[in-house]
C-alpha atoms as a PDB file:
ATOM      1  CA  UNK A   1     -24.635 -23.504   7.695  1.00  0.00           C
ATOM      2  CA  UNK A   2     -22.940 -22.598  10.952  1.00  0.00           C
ATOM      3  CA  UNK A   3     -22.260 -26.262  12.049  1.00  0.00           C
ATOM      4  CA  UNK A   4     -18.884 -27.994  12.125  1.00  0.00           C
ATOM      5  CA  UNK A   5     -20.279 -30.160   9.595  1.00  0.00           C
ATOM      6  CA  UNK A   6     -20.746 -27.309   7.050  1.00  0.00           C
ATOM      7  CA  UNK A   7     -17.202 -26.154   7.692  1.00  0.00           C
ATOM      8  CA  UNK A   8     -15.837 -29.572   7.044  1.00  0.00           C
ATOM      9  CA  UNK A   9     -17.833 -29.663   3.737  1.00  0.00           C
ATOM     10  CA  UNK A  10     -16.138 -26.539   2.653  1.00  0.00           C
ATOM     11  CA  UNK A  11     -12.995 -27.940   3.689  1.00  0.00           C
ATOM     12  CA  UNK A  12     -13.385 -31.296   1.677  1.00  0.00           C
ATOM     13  CA  UNK A  13     -14.431 -29.155  -1.533  1.00  0.00           C
ATOM     14  CA  UNK A  14     -11.306 -26.900  -1.112  1.00  0.00           C
ATOM     15  CA  UNK A  15      -9.035 -30.035  -0.810  1.00  0.00           C
ATOM     16  CA  UNK A  16     -10.393 -31.461  -4.180  1.00  0.00           C
ATOM     17  CA  UNK A  17      -7.548 -31.704  -6.645  1.00  0.00           C
ATOM     18  CA  UNK A  18      -7.448 -28.022  -8.219  1.00  0.00           C
ATOM     19  CA  UNK A  19      -5.613 -29.113 -11.289  1.00  0.00           C
ATOM     20  CA  UNK A  20      -8.791 -30.455 -12.947  1.00  0.00           C
ATOM     21  CA  UNK A  21     -11.167 -27.818 -14.559  1.00  0.00           C
ATOM     22  CA  UNK A  22     -14.478 -29.294 -13.008  1.00  0.00           C
ATOM     23  CA  UNK A  23     -12.808 -29.156  -9.592  1.00  0.00           C
ATOM     24  CA  UNK A  24     -11.776 -25.564  -9.793  1.00  0.00           C
ATOM     25  CA  UNK A  25     -15.471 -24.883 -10.772  1.00  0.00           C
ATOM     26  CA  UNK A  26     -16.206 -26.416  -7.197  1.00  0.00           C
ATOM     27  CA  UNK A  27     -13.662 -24.538  -5.689  1.00  0.00           C
ATOM     28  CA  UNK A  28     -15.136 -21.281  -7.283  1.00  0.00           C
ATOM     29  CA  UNK A  29     -18.541 -22.106  -5.976  1.00  0.00           C
ATOM     30  CA  UNK A  30     -17.187 -22.993  -2.655  1.00  0.00           C
ATOM     31  CA  UNK A  31     -15.200 -19.856  -2.445  1.00  0.00           C
ATOM     32  CA  UNK A  32     -18.176 -17.716  -3.242  1.00  0.00           C
ATOM     33  CA  UNK A  33     -20.288 -19.567  -0.636  1.00  0.00           C
ATOM     34  CA  UNK A  34     -17.732 -19.023   2.118  1.00  0.00           C
ATOM     35  CA  UNK A  35     -17.038 -15.158   1.213  1.00  0.00           C
ATOM     36  CA  UNK A  36     -21.047 -14.779   1.726  1.00  0.00           C
ATOM     37  CA  UNK A  37     -20.666 -16.551   5.243  1.00  0.00           C
ATOM     38  CA  UNK A  38     -17.775 -14.463   6.176  1.00  0.00           C
ATOM     39  CA  UNK A  39     -20.047 -11.297   5.537  1.00  0.00           C
ATOM     40  CA  UNK A  40     -22.752 -12.688   7.718  1.00  0.00           C
ATOM     41  CA  UNK A  41     -23.884 -10.500  10.685  1.00  0.00           C
ATOM     42  CA  UNK A  42     -22.486 -12.912  13.287  1.00  0.00           C
ATOM     43  CA  UNK A  43     -19.668 -14.316  11.214  1.00  0.00           C
ATOM     44  CA  UNK A  44     -17.208 -12.822  13.641  1.00  0.00           C
ATOM     45  CA  UNK A  45     -18.582 -15.055  16.470  1.00  0.00           C
ATOM     46  CA  UNK A  46     -19.564 -18.229  14.635  1.00  0.00           C
ATOM     47  CA  UNK A  47     -17.860 -18.569  11.352  1.00  0.00           C
ATOM     48  CA  UNK A  48     -14.346 -16.966  11.346  1.00  0.00           C
ATOM     49  CA  UNK A  49     -13.185 -18.541  14.500  1.00  0.00           C
ATOM     50  CA  UNK A  50     -14.136 -22.040  13.091  1.00  0.00           C
ATOM     51  CA  UNK A  51     -12.458 -20.929   9.810  1.00  0.00           C
ATOM     52  CA  UNK A  52      -9.159 -20.114  11.417  1.00  0.00           C
ATOM     53  CA  UNK A  53      -8.948 -23.078  13.471  1.00  0.00           C
ATOM     54  CA  UNK A  54      -9.282 -25.439  10.214  1.00  0.00           C
ATOM     55  CA  UNK A  55      -6.887 -25.717   7.489  1.00  0.00           C
ATOM     56  CA  UNK A  56      -9.089 -23.441   5.179  1.00  0.00           C
ATOM     57  CA  UNK A  57      -6.697 -20.620   5.263  1.00  0.00           C
ATOM     58  CA  UNK A  58      -4.027 -22.714   3.690  1.00  0.00           C
ATOM     59  CA  UNK A  59      -6.362 -24.281   1.181  1.00  0.00           C
ATOM     60  CA  UNK A  60      -7.493 -20.637   0.291  1.00  0.00           C
ATOM     61  CA  UNK A  61      -3.815 -19.494  -0.297  1.00  0.00           C
ATOM     62  CA  UNK A  62      -3.272 -22.560  -2.337  1.00  0.00           C
ATOM     63  CA  UNK A  63      -5.659 -21.531  -4.956  1.00  0.00           C
ATOM     64  CA  UNK A  64      -4.718 -17.745  -5.326  1.00  0.00           C
ATOM     65  CA  UNK A  65      -2.323 -18.431  -8.183  1.00  0.00           C
ATOM     66  CA  UNK A  66      -4.722 -18.500 -11.291  1.00  0.00           C
ATOM     67  CA  UNK A  67      -4.973 -21.510 -13.627  1.00  0.00           C
ATOM     68  CA  UNK A  68      -4.070 -20.448 -17.077  1.00  0.00           C
ATOM     69  CA  UNK A  69      -6.499 -23.080 -18.426  1.00  0.00           C
ATOM     70  CA  UNK A  70      -9.470 -22.204 -16.128  1.00  0.00           C
ATOM     71  CA  UNK A  71      -9.262 -18.346 -15.625  1.00  0.00           C
ATOM     72  CA  UNK A  72      -9.342 -16.063 -12.675  1.00  0.00           C
ATOM     73  CA  UNK A  73     -12.511 -16.822 -11.021  1.00  0.00           C
ATOM     74  CA  UNK A  74     -11.505 -19.331  -8.407  1.00  0.00           C
ATOM     75  CA  UNK A  75      -8.540 -17.221  -7.304  1.00  0.00           C
ATOM     76  CA  UNK A  76     -10.787 -14.129  -7.137  1.00  0.00           C
ATOM     77  CA  UNK A  77     -13.101 -15.782  -4.922  1.00  0.00           C
ATOM     78  CA  UNK A  78     -10.646 -17.377  -2.535  1.00  0.00           C
ATOM     79  CA  UNK A  79      -8.768 -13.938  -2.581  1.00  0.00           C
ATOM     80  CA  UNK A  80     -12.091 -12.232  -1.362  1.00  0.00           C
ATOM     81  CA  UNK A  81     -12.343 -14.778   1.388  1.00  0.00           C
ATOM     82  CA  UNK A  82      -8.967 -13.797   2.653  1.00  0.00           C
ATOM     83  CA  UNK A  83      -9.657 -10.261   2.448  1.00  0.00           C
ATOM     84  CA  UNK A  84     -12.998 -10.940   4.670  1.00  0.00           C
ATOM     85  CA  UNK A  85     -10.903 -12.862   7.263  1.00  0.00           C
ATOM     86  CA  UNK A  86      -7.964 -10.276   7.200  1.00  0.00           C
ATOM     87  CA  UNK A  87     -10.248  -7.181   7.944  1.00  0.00           C
ATOM     88  CA  UNK A  88     -12.464  -9.028  10.427  1.00  0.00           C
ATOM     89  CA  UNK A  89      -9.931  -9.979  12.879  1.00  0.00           C
ATOM     90  CA  UNK A  90      -7.639  -7.954  15.296  1.00  0.00           C
ATOM     91  CA  UNK A  91      -5.044 -10.581  15.925  1.00  0.00           C
ATOM     92  CA  UNK A  92      -3.740 -11.457  12.465  1.00  0.00           C
ATOM     93  CA  UNK A  93      -0.822 -13.517  13.756  1.00  0.00           C
ATOM     94  CA  UNK A  94      -2.427 -16.700  12.448  1.00  0.00           C
ATOM     95  CA  UNK A  95      -2.880 -15.640   9.077  1.00  0.00           C
ATOM     96  CA  UNK A  96       0.884 -14.404   8.850  1.00  0.00           C
ATOM     97  CA  UNK A  97       1.772 -17.870  10.289  1.00  0.00           C
ATOM     98  CA  UNK A  98       0.010 -19.146   7.382  1.00  0.00           C
ATOM     99  CA  UNK A  99       2.058 -17.239   4.790  1.00  0.00           C
ATOM    100  CA  UNK A 100      -0.874 -15.005   3.787  1.00  0.00           C
ATOM    101  CA  UNK A 101       1.298 -11.986   3.681  1.00  0.00           C
ATOM    102  CA  UNK A 102       4.100 -13.531   1.887  1.00  0.00           C
ATOM    103  CA  UNK A 103       1.919 -15.426  -0.894  1.00  0.00           C
ATOM    104  CA  UNK A 104      -0.423 -12.321  -1.467  1.00  0.00           C
ATOM    105  CA  UNK A 105       2.422 -10.026  -1.784  1.00  0.00           C
ATOM    106  CA  UNK A 106       4.214 -12.633  -4.240  1.00  0.00           C
ATOM    107  CA  UNK A 107       1.170 -12.864  -6.390  1.00  0.00           C
ATOM    108  CA  UNK A 108       0.970  -8.993  -6.493  1.00  0.00           C
ATOM    109  CA  UNK A 109       4.393  -8.944  -7.742  1.00  0.00           C
ATOM    110  CA  UNK A 110       3.507 -11.084 -10.492  1.00  0.00           C
ATOM    111  CA  UNK A 111       0.340  -9.257 -11.509  1.00  0.00           C
ATOM    112  CA  UNK A 112       2.046  -6.043 -11.417  1.00  0.00           C
ATOM    113  CA  UNK A 113       4.842  -7.180 -13.762  1.00  0.00           C
ATOM    114  CA  UNK A 114       2.126  -8.527 -16.053  1.00  0.00           C
ATOM    115  CA  UNK A 115      -0.056  -5.258 -16.110  1.00  0.00           C
ATOM    116  CA  UNK A 116       3.243  -3.048 -16.371  1.00  0.00           C
ATOM    117  CA  UNK A 117       3.919  -4.675 -19.744  1.00  0.00           C
ATOM    118  CA  UNK A 118       0.358  -4.373 -20.871  1.00  0.00           C
ATOM    119  CA  UNK A 119      -1.333  -7.580 -19.987  1.00  0.00           C
ATOM    120  CA  UNK A 120      -4.703  -6.471 -18.577  1.00  0.00           C
ATOM    121  CA  UNK A 121      -6.651  -9.727 -18.753  1.00  0.00           C
ATOM    122  CA  UNK A 122     -10.380  -9.051 -18.197  1.00  0.00           C
ATOM    123  CA  UNK A 123     -11.311  -9.198 -14.436  1.00  0.00           C
ATOM    124  CA  UNK A 124      -7.815  -8.986 -13.382  1.00  0.00           C
ATOM    125  CA  UNK A 125      -8.668  -6.002 -11.086  1.00  0.00           C
ATOM    126  CA  UNK A 126     -11.098  -7.993  -9.377  1.00  0.00           C
ATOM    127  CA  UNK A 127      -8.069 -10.052  -8.108  1.00  0.00           C
ATOM    128  CA  UNK A 128      -5.863  -7.089  -7.570  1.00  0.00           C
ATOM    129  CA  UNK A 129      -8.301  -5.480  -5.200  1.00  0.00           C
ATOM    130  CA  UNK A 130      -8.598  -8.162  -2.432  1.00  0.00           C
ATOM    131  CA  UNK A 131      -5.120  -8.610  -2.700  1.00  0.00           C
ATOM    132  CA  UNK A 132      -3.997  -5.179  -2.119  1.00  0.00           C
ATOM    133  CA  UNK A 133      -6.440  -5.112   0.757  1.00  0.00           C
ATOM    134  CA  UNK A 134      -5.004  -8.308   2.315  1.00  0.00           C
ATOM    135  CA  UNK A 135      -1.616  -7.030   1.940  1.00  0.00           C
ATOM    136  CA  UNK A 136      -2.245  -3.583   3.415  1.00  0.00           C
ATOM    137  CA  UNK A 137      -3.917  -4.812   6.395  1.00  0.00           C
ATOM    138  CA  UNK A 138      -1.439  -7.498   6.910  1.00  0.00           C
ATOM    139  CA  UNK A 139       1.495  -5.169   6.780  1.00  0.00           C
ATOM    140  CA  UNK A 140      -0.146  -2.878   9.514  1.00  0.00           C
ATOM    141  CA  UNK A 141      -0.165  -5.867  11.761  1.00  0.00           C
ATOM    142  CA  UNK A 142       3.121  -7.481  10.917  1.00  0.00           C
ATOM    143  CA  UNK A 143       5.956  -7.067  13.526  1.00  0.00           C
ATOM    144  CA  UNK A 144       8.443  -4.793  12.116  1.00  0.00           C
ATOM    145  CA  UNK A 145      11.102  -7.122  12.829  1.00  0.00           C
ATOM    146  CA  UNK A 146       9.513  -9.806  10.571  1.00  0.00           C
ATOM    147  CA  UNK A 147       8.703  -7.767   7.609  1.00  0.00           C
ATOM    148  CA  UNK A 148      11.695  -8.640   5.421  1.00  0.00           C
ATOM    149  CA  UNK A 149      11.086 -12.441   6.016  1.00  0.00           C
ATOM    150  CA  UNK A 150       7.241 -11.918   5.415  1.00  0.00           C
ATOM    151  CA  UNK A 151       7.727  -9.879   2.321  1.00  0.00           C
ATOM    152  CA  UNK A 152      11.104 -11.226   0.714  1.00  0.00           C
ATOM    153  CA  UNK A 153      10.990  -9.490  -2.633  1.00  0.00           C
ATOM    154  CA  UNK A 154      11.669  -5.805  -2.763  1.00  0.00           C
ATOM    155  CA  UNK A 155      10.118  -5.585  -6.306  1.00  0.00           C
ATOM    156  CA  UNK A 156       6.793  -5.277  -4.561  1.00  0.00           C
ATOM    157  CA  UNK A 157       7.420  -1.759  -4.671  1.00  0.00           C
ATOM    158  CA  UNK A 158       7.798  -1.976  -8.558  1.00  0.00           C
ATOM    159  CA  UNK A 159       4.605  -3.745  -8.722  1.00  0.00           C
ATOM    160  CA  UNK A 160       2.761  -1.291  -6.625  1.00  0.00           C
ATOM    161  CA  UNK A 161       3.891   1.887  -8.493  1.00  0.00           C
ATOM    162  CA  UNK A 162       2.860  -0.182 -11.868  1.00  0.00           C
ATOM    163  CA  UNK A 163      -0.670  -0.570 -10.447  1.00  0.00           C
ATOM    164  CA  UNK A 164      -0.775   3.012  -9.288  1.00  0.00           C
ATOM    165  CA  UNK A 165       0.137   4.053 -13.029  1.00  0.00           C
ATOM    166  CA  UNK A 166      -2.064   1.576 -14.850  1.00  0.00           C
ATOM    167  CA  UNK A 167      -5.029   2.459 -12.733  1.00  0.00           C
ATOM    168  CA  UNK A 168      -4.799   6.201 -12.162  1.00  0.00           C
ATOM    169  CA  UNK A 169      -7.189   7.182 -15.131  1.00  0.00           C
ATOM    170  CA  UNK A 170      -9.351   4.303 -15.377  1.00  0.00           C
ATOM    171  CA  UNK A 171      -9.806   3.074 -11.540  1.00  0.00           C
ATOM    172  CA  UNK A 172      -8.395   5.835  -9.266  1.00  0.00           C
ATOM    173  CA  UNK A 173      -9.945   3.948  -6.239  1.00  0.00           C
ATOM    174  CA  UNK A 174      -7.619   0.905  -6.960  1.00  0.00           C
ATOM    175  CA  UNK A 175      -4.726   3.362  -7.879  1.00  0.00           C
ATOM    176  CA  UNK A 176      -5.448   4.861  -4.201  1.00  0.00           C
ATOM    177  CA  UNK A 177      -5.277   1.415  -2.595  1.00  0.00           C
ATOM    178  CA  UNK A 178      -2.028   0.486  -4.202  1.00  0.00           C
ATOM    179  CA  UNK A 179      -0.527   3.821  -2.851  1.00  0.00           C
ATOM    180  CA  UNK A 180      -2.046   2.781   0.636  1.00  0.00           C
ATOM    181  CA  UNK A 181      -0.331  -0.440   0.495  1.00  0.00           C
ATOM    182  CA  UNK A 182       3.073   1.343  -0.620  1.00  0.00           C
ATOM    183  CA  UNK A 183       2.602   3.573   2.352  1.00  0.00           C
ATOM    184  CA  UNK A 184       2.264   0.807   4.749  1.00  0.00           C
ATOM    185  CA  UNK A 185       5.090  -0.928   3.173  1.00  0.00           C
ATOM    186  CA  UNK A 186       7.683   2.061   3.576  1.00  0.00           C
ATOM    187  CA  UNK A 187       6.426   3.087   6.845  1.00  0.00           C
ATOM    188  CA  UNK A 188       8.927   0.962   8.828  1.00  0.00           C
ATOM    189  CA  UNK A 189      11.240  -0.407   6.399  1.00  0.00           C
ATOM    190  CA  UNK A 190      14.480   1.242   5.074  1.00  0.00           C
ATOM    191  CA  UNK A 191      15.057  -1.610   2.640  1.00  0.00           C
ATOM    192  CA  UNK A 192      11.596  -0.880   0.770  1.00  0.00           C
ATOM    193  CA  UNK A 193      12.512   3.027   0.972  1.00  0.00           C
ATOM    194  CA  UNK A 194      15.865   2.107  -0.487  1.00  0.00           C
ATOM    195  CA  UNK A 195      14.182   0.036  -3.062  1.00  0.00           C
ATOM    196  CA  UNK A 196      12.129   3.151  -4.419  1.00  0.00           C
ATOM    197  CA  UNK A 197      15.436   4.969  -5.019  1.00  0.00           C
ATOM    198  CA  UNK A 198      17.299   2.072  -6.385  1.00  0.00           C
ATOM    199  CA  UNK A 199      14.781   1.272  -8.973  1.00  0.00           C
ATOM    200  CA  UNK A 200      14.127   5.136  -9.763  1.00  0.00           C
ATOM    201  CA  UNK A 201      10.501   5.089  -8.750  1.00  0.00           C
ATOM    202  CA  UNK A 202      10.705   8.312  -6.929  1.00  0.00           C
ATOM    203  CA  UNK A 203      10.520  10.716  -9.943  1.00  0.00           C
ATOM    204  CA  UNK A 204       7.270   8.917 -11.160  1.00  0.00           C
ATOM    205  CA  UNK A 205       5.809   9.227  -7.590  1.00  0.00           C
ATOM    206  CA  UNK A 206       6.659  12.889  -7.674  1.00  0.00           C
ATOM    207  CA  UNK A 207       4.592  13.451 -10.732  1.00  0.00           C
ATOM    208  CA  UNK A 208       1.556  12.068  -9.064  1.00  0.00           C
ATOM    209  CA  UNK A 209       1.365  15.026  -6.561  1.00  0.00           C
ATOM    210  CA  UNK A 210      -0.932  17.110  -8.615  1.00  0.00           C
ATOM    211  CA  UNK A 211      -3.527  14.319  -8.686  1.00  0.00           C
ATOM    212  CA  UNK A 212      -6.382  14.541  -6.264  1.00  0.00           C
ATOM    213  CA  UNK A 213      -9.064  11.885  -4.944  1.00  0.00           C
ATOM    214  CA  UNK A 214      -6.845  11.209  -2.006  1.00  0.00           C
ATOM    215  CA  UNK A 215      -3.713   9.595  -4.116  1.00  0.00           C
ATOM    216  CA  UNK A 216      -1.461  12.743  -3.604  1.00  0.00           C
ATOM    217  CA  UNK A 217      -1.640  12.754   0.004  1.00  0.00           C
ATOM    218  CA  UNK A 218      -0.937   9.009   0.341  1.00  0.00           C
ATOM    219  CA  UNK A 219       2.127   9.544  -2.254  1.00  0.00           C
ATOM    220  CA  UNK A 220       3.291  12.488  -0.166  1.00  0.00           C
ATOM    221  CA  UNK A 221       3.113  10.070   2.901  1.00  0.00           C
ATOM    222  CA  UNK A 222       5.087   7.495   1.005  1.00  0.00           C
ATOM    223  CA  UNK A 223       7.788  10.257   0.315  1.00  0.00           C
ATOM    224  CA  UNK A 224       7.704  11.420   3.992  1.00  0.00           C
ATOM    225  CA  UNK A 225       8.477   7.673   4.958  1.00  0.00           C
ATOM    226  CA  UNK A 226      11.691   7.845   2.545  1.00  0.00           C
ATOM    227  CA  UNK A 227      12.747  11.333   3.773  1.00  0.00           C
ATOM    228  CA  UNK A 228      12.298   9.949   7.619  1.00  0.00           C
ATOM    229  CA  UNK A 229      15.391   7.891   6.726  1.00  0.00           C
ATOM    230  CA  UNK A 230      17.839  10.835   6.958  1.00  0.00           C
ATOM    231  CA  UNK A 231      20.299   8.953   4.661  1.00  0.00           C
ATOM    232  CA  UNK A 232      17.899   9.444   1.642  1.00  0.00           C
ATOM    233  CA  UNK A 233      17.317  13.211   1.934  1.00  0.00           C
ATOM    234  CA  UNK A 234      20.071  14.324  -0.402  1.00  0.00           C
ATOM    235  CA  UNK A 235      19.072  11.882  -2.975  1.00  0.00           C
ATOM    236  CA  UNK A 236      15.364  12.981  -2.627  1.00  0.00           C
ATOM    237  CA  UNK A 237      16.632  16.578  -3.038  1.00  0.00           C
ATOM    238  CA  UNK A 238      18.582  15.695  -6.221  1.00  0.00           C
ATOM    239  CA  UNK A 239      15.538  13.902  -7.747  1.00  0.00           C
ATOM    240  CA  UNK A 240      13.353  17.088  -7.447  1.00  0.00           C
ATOM    241  CA  UNK A 241      11.415  16.711  -4.531  1.00  0.00           C
ATOM    242  CA  UNK A 242      12.307  20.493  -3.268  1.00  0.00           C
ATOM    243  CA  UNK A 243      10.788  21.890  -6.225  1.00  0.00           C
ATOM    244  CA  UNK A 244       7.747  19.557  -5.890  1.00  0.00           C
ATOM    245  CA  UNK A 245       7.340  20.838  -2.288  1.00  0.00           C
ATOM    246  CA  UNK A 246       7.218  24.263  -3.633  1.00  0.00           C
ATOM    247  CA  UNK A 247       4.117  23.438  -5.723  1.00  0.00           C
ATOM    248  CA  UNK A 248       2.314  21.465  -2.838  1.00  0.00           C
ATOM    249  CA  UNK A 249       2.864  24.219  -0.367  1.00  0.00           C
ATOM    250  CA  UNK A 250       0.543  26.489  -2.548  1.00  0.00           C
ATOM    251  CA  UNK A 251      -2.377  23.994  -2.556  1.00  0.00           C
ATOM    252  CA  UNK A 252      -5.401  24.718  -0.776  1.00  0.00           C
ATOM    253  CA  UNK A 253      -5.555  21.221   0.585  1.00  0.00           C
ATOM    254  CA  UNK A 254      -4.537  21.596   4.282  1.00  0.00           C
ATOM    255  CA  UNK A 255      -3.341  18.033   4.751  1.00  0.00           C
ATOM    256  CA  UNK A 256      -1.085  18.410   1.601  1.00  0.00           C
ATOM    257  CA  UNK A 257       0.272  21.335   3.079  1.00  0.00           C
ATOM    258  CA  UNK A 258       1.065  20.034   6.687  1.00  0.00           C
ATOM    259  CA  UNK A 259       2.540  17.063   5.038  1.00  0.00           C
ATOM    260  CA  UNK A 260       4.784  18.970   2.796  1.00  0.00           C
ATOM    261  CA  UNK A 261       5.927  21.010   5.933  1.00  0.00           C
ATOM    262  CA  UNK A 262       6.793  17.869   7.697  1.00  0.00           C
ATOM    263  CA  UNK A 263       8.782  16.377   4.631  1.00  0.00           C
ATOM    264  CA  UNK A 264      10.300  19.846   4.080  1.00  0.00           C
ATOM    265  CA  UNK A 265      11.554  19.688   7.915  1.00  0.00           C
ATOM    266  CA  UNK A 266      13.114  16.498   7.437  1.00  0.00           C
ATOM    267  CA  UNK A 267      15.067  17.501   4.256  1.00  0.00           C
ATOM    268  CA  UNK A 268      16.285  20.911   5.498  1.00  0.00           C
ATOM    269  CA  UNK A 269      17.290  19.717   8.755  1.00  0.00           C
ATOM    270  CA  UNK A 270      19.437  16.789   7.256  1.00  0.00           C
ATOM    271  CA  UNK A 271      21.916  19.142   5.620  1.00  0.00           C
ATOM    272  CA  UNK A 272      22.444  22.938   4.972  1.00  0.00           C
ATOM    273  CA  UNK A 273      22.698  22.313   1.195  1.00  0.00           C
ATOM    274  CA  UNK A 274      19.074  21.432   1.001  1.00  0.00           C
ATOM    275  CA  UNK A 275      18.185  24.400   2.914  1.00  0.00           C
ATOM    276  CA  UNK A 276      19.988  26.581   0.708  1.00  0.00           C
ATOM    277  CA  UNK A 277      18.573  24.975  -2.325  1.00  0.00           C
ATOM    278  CA  UNK A 278      15.040  25.645  -1.027  1.00  0.00           C
ATOM    279  CA  UNK A 279      15.823  29.356  -0.512  1.00  0.00           C
ATOM    280  CA  UNK A 280      17.074  29.585  -4.129  1.00  0.00           C
ATOM    281  CA  UNK A 281      13.909  28.228  -5.376  1.00  0.00           C
ATOM    282  CA  UNK A 282      11.974  30.961  -3.524  1.00  0.00           C
ATOM    283  CA  UNK A 283      10.706  28.727  -0.544  1.00  0.00           C
ATOM    284  CA  UNK A 284      11.261  31.204   1.970  1.00  0.00           C
ATOM    285  CA  UNK A 285       8.408  33.514   0.623  1.00  0.00           C
ATOM    286  CA  UNK A 286       6.094  30.453   0.525  1.00  0.00           C
ATOM    287  CA  UNK A 287       6.595  29.662   4.337  1.00  0.00           C
ATOM    288  CA  UNK A 288       6.258  33.466   4.973  1.00  0.00           C
ATOM    289  CA  UNK A 289       2.809  33.225   3.296  1.00  0.00           C
ATOM    290  CA  UNK A 290       1.835  30.369   5.301  1.00  0.00           C
ATOM    291  CA  UNK A 291       3.107  32.090   8.176  1.00  0.00           C
ATOM    292  CA  UNK A 292       0.876  35.108   7.686  1.00  0.00           C
ATOM    293  CA  UNK A 293      -2.182  33.549   6.140  1.00  0.00           C
ATOM    294  CA  UNK A 294      -2.743  30.219   7.998  1.00  0.00           C
ATOM    295  CA  UNK A 295      -3.904  29.338  11.507  1.00  0.00           C
ATOM    296  CA  UNK A 296      -2.970  26.877  14.117  1.00  0.00           C
ATOM    297  CA  UNK A 297      -0.389  23.891  13.358  1.00  0.00           C
ATOM    298  CA  UNK A 298       0.337  25.025   9.720  1.00  0.00           C
ATOM    299  CA  UNK A 299       1.695  28.569  10.968  1.00  0.00           C
ATOM    300  CA  UNK A 300       3.483  26.975  13.962  1.00  0.00           C
ATOM    301  CA  UNK A 301       5.351  24.635  11.628  1.00  0.00           C
ATOM    302  CA  UNK A 302       6.175  27.354   9.126  1.00  0.00           C
ATOM    303  CA  UNK A 303       7.221  29.589  11.747  1.00  0.00           C
ATOM    304  CA  UNK A 304       9.677  26.915  13.431  1.00  0.00           C
ATOM    305  CA  UNK A 305      11.191  26.140  10.096  1.00  0.00           C
ATOM    306  CA  UNK A 306      11.726  29.854   9.288  1.00  0.00           C
ATOM    307  CA  UNK A 307      13.313  30.478  12.623  1.00  0.00           C
ATOM    308  CA  UNK A 308      15.280  27.466  13.221  1.00  0.00           C
ATOM    309  CA  UNK A 309      16.396  26.110   9.732  1.00  0.00           C
ATOM    310  CA  UNK A 310      15.942  28.663   7.071  1.00  0.00           C
ATOM    311  CA  UNK A 311      16.598  32.240   8.245  1.00  0.00           C
ATOM    312  CA  UNK A 312      20.408  31.462   8.599  1.00  0.00           C
ATOM    313  CA  UNK A 313      20.520  31.202   4.935  1.00  0.00           C
ATOM    314  CA  UNK A 314      19.850  34.984   4.620  1.00  0.00           C
ATOM    315  CA  UNK A 315      22.597  35.777   7.084  1.00  0.00           C
END
């Protein structure tokens, strides 16, 4: 199976005209076989370089859009193949050059739109999951300067928020992966941070902060990405982020408290008005409680905020 002939056979199968039902059945079978090969113990040395050197990635991408007459199965198998490729290589430039990030993110936009209006075709989560992992990993490797050309549709943030809401109760792991992708997407892009505000998605994200299972920490990281762009801080304050931070600062989860302190610093250092609003909401007593009841980094951050950005409010 590791010979070049095996690789060429797989390629020929995937090159078959995919518009015919029986050929898509073959594509599904080949996709499953390839996914098993890509998970083999020595795949990184023997299989993956061969696949990347061929036109297989392009053919896998061409099958991603589900055929309405055949179902999701071929797209699911090919999406998992792309996931195994993406997570197995350090240098992802070849996959980016093939358009993997662009196509996977575009399909996520379509799926998110469909799920948002109640279309939950059976098995659709089996396609959403590998697509999320592909996009999340490729975003982490995409040069910042290329992000807007690789992901052209800012509606991806809408789709990701729809996926979080749709799977929050039934499949929290999938909601968490959607939040992870949203974090990677907003980490280095003002455009996608701006889109969260333009599409009025921030209030919905704030409502997710009480949820556990790792979802709330990722959501807080997304909000930190937005607040890091100083020009958005006033809007975040107007949308209720300060009052939400007053709640998260009381949590026992140290990561949540530390992230909350980071966001609070960015908000109150951006304008005195937000510092005054935080004080009006009883924020000073919360910081004093952290200062006296916590240790290490949390205590230092709370002390710094009080001494450099908030105590002047009382003067």
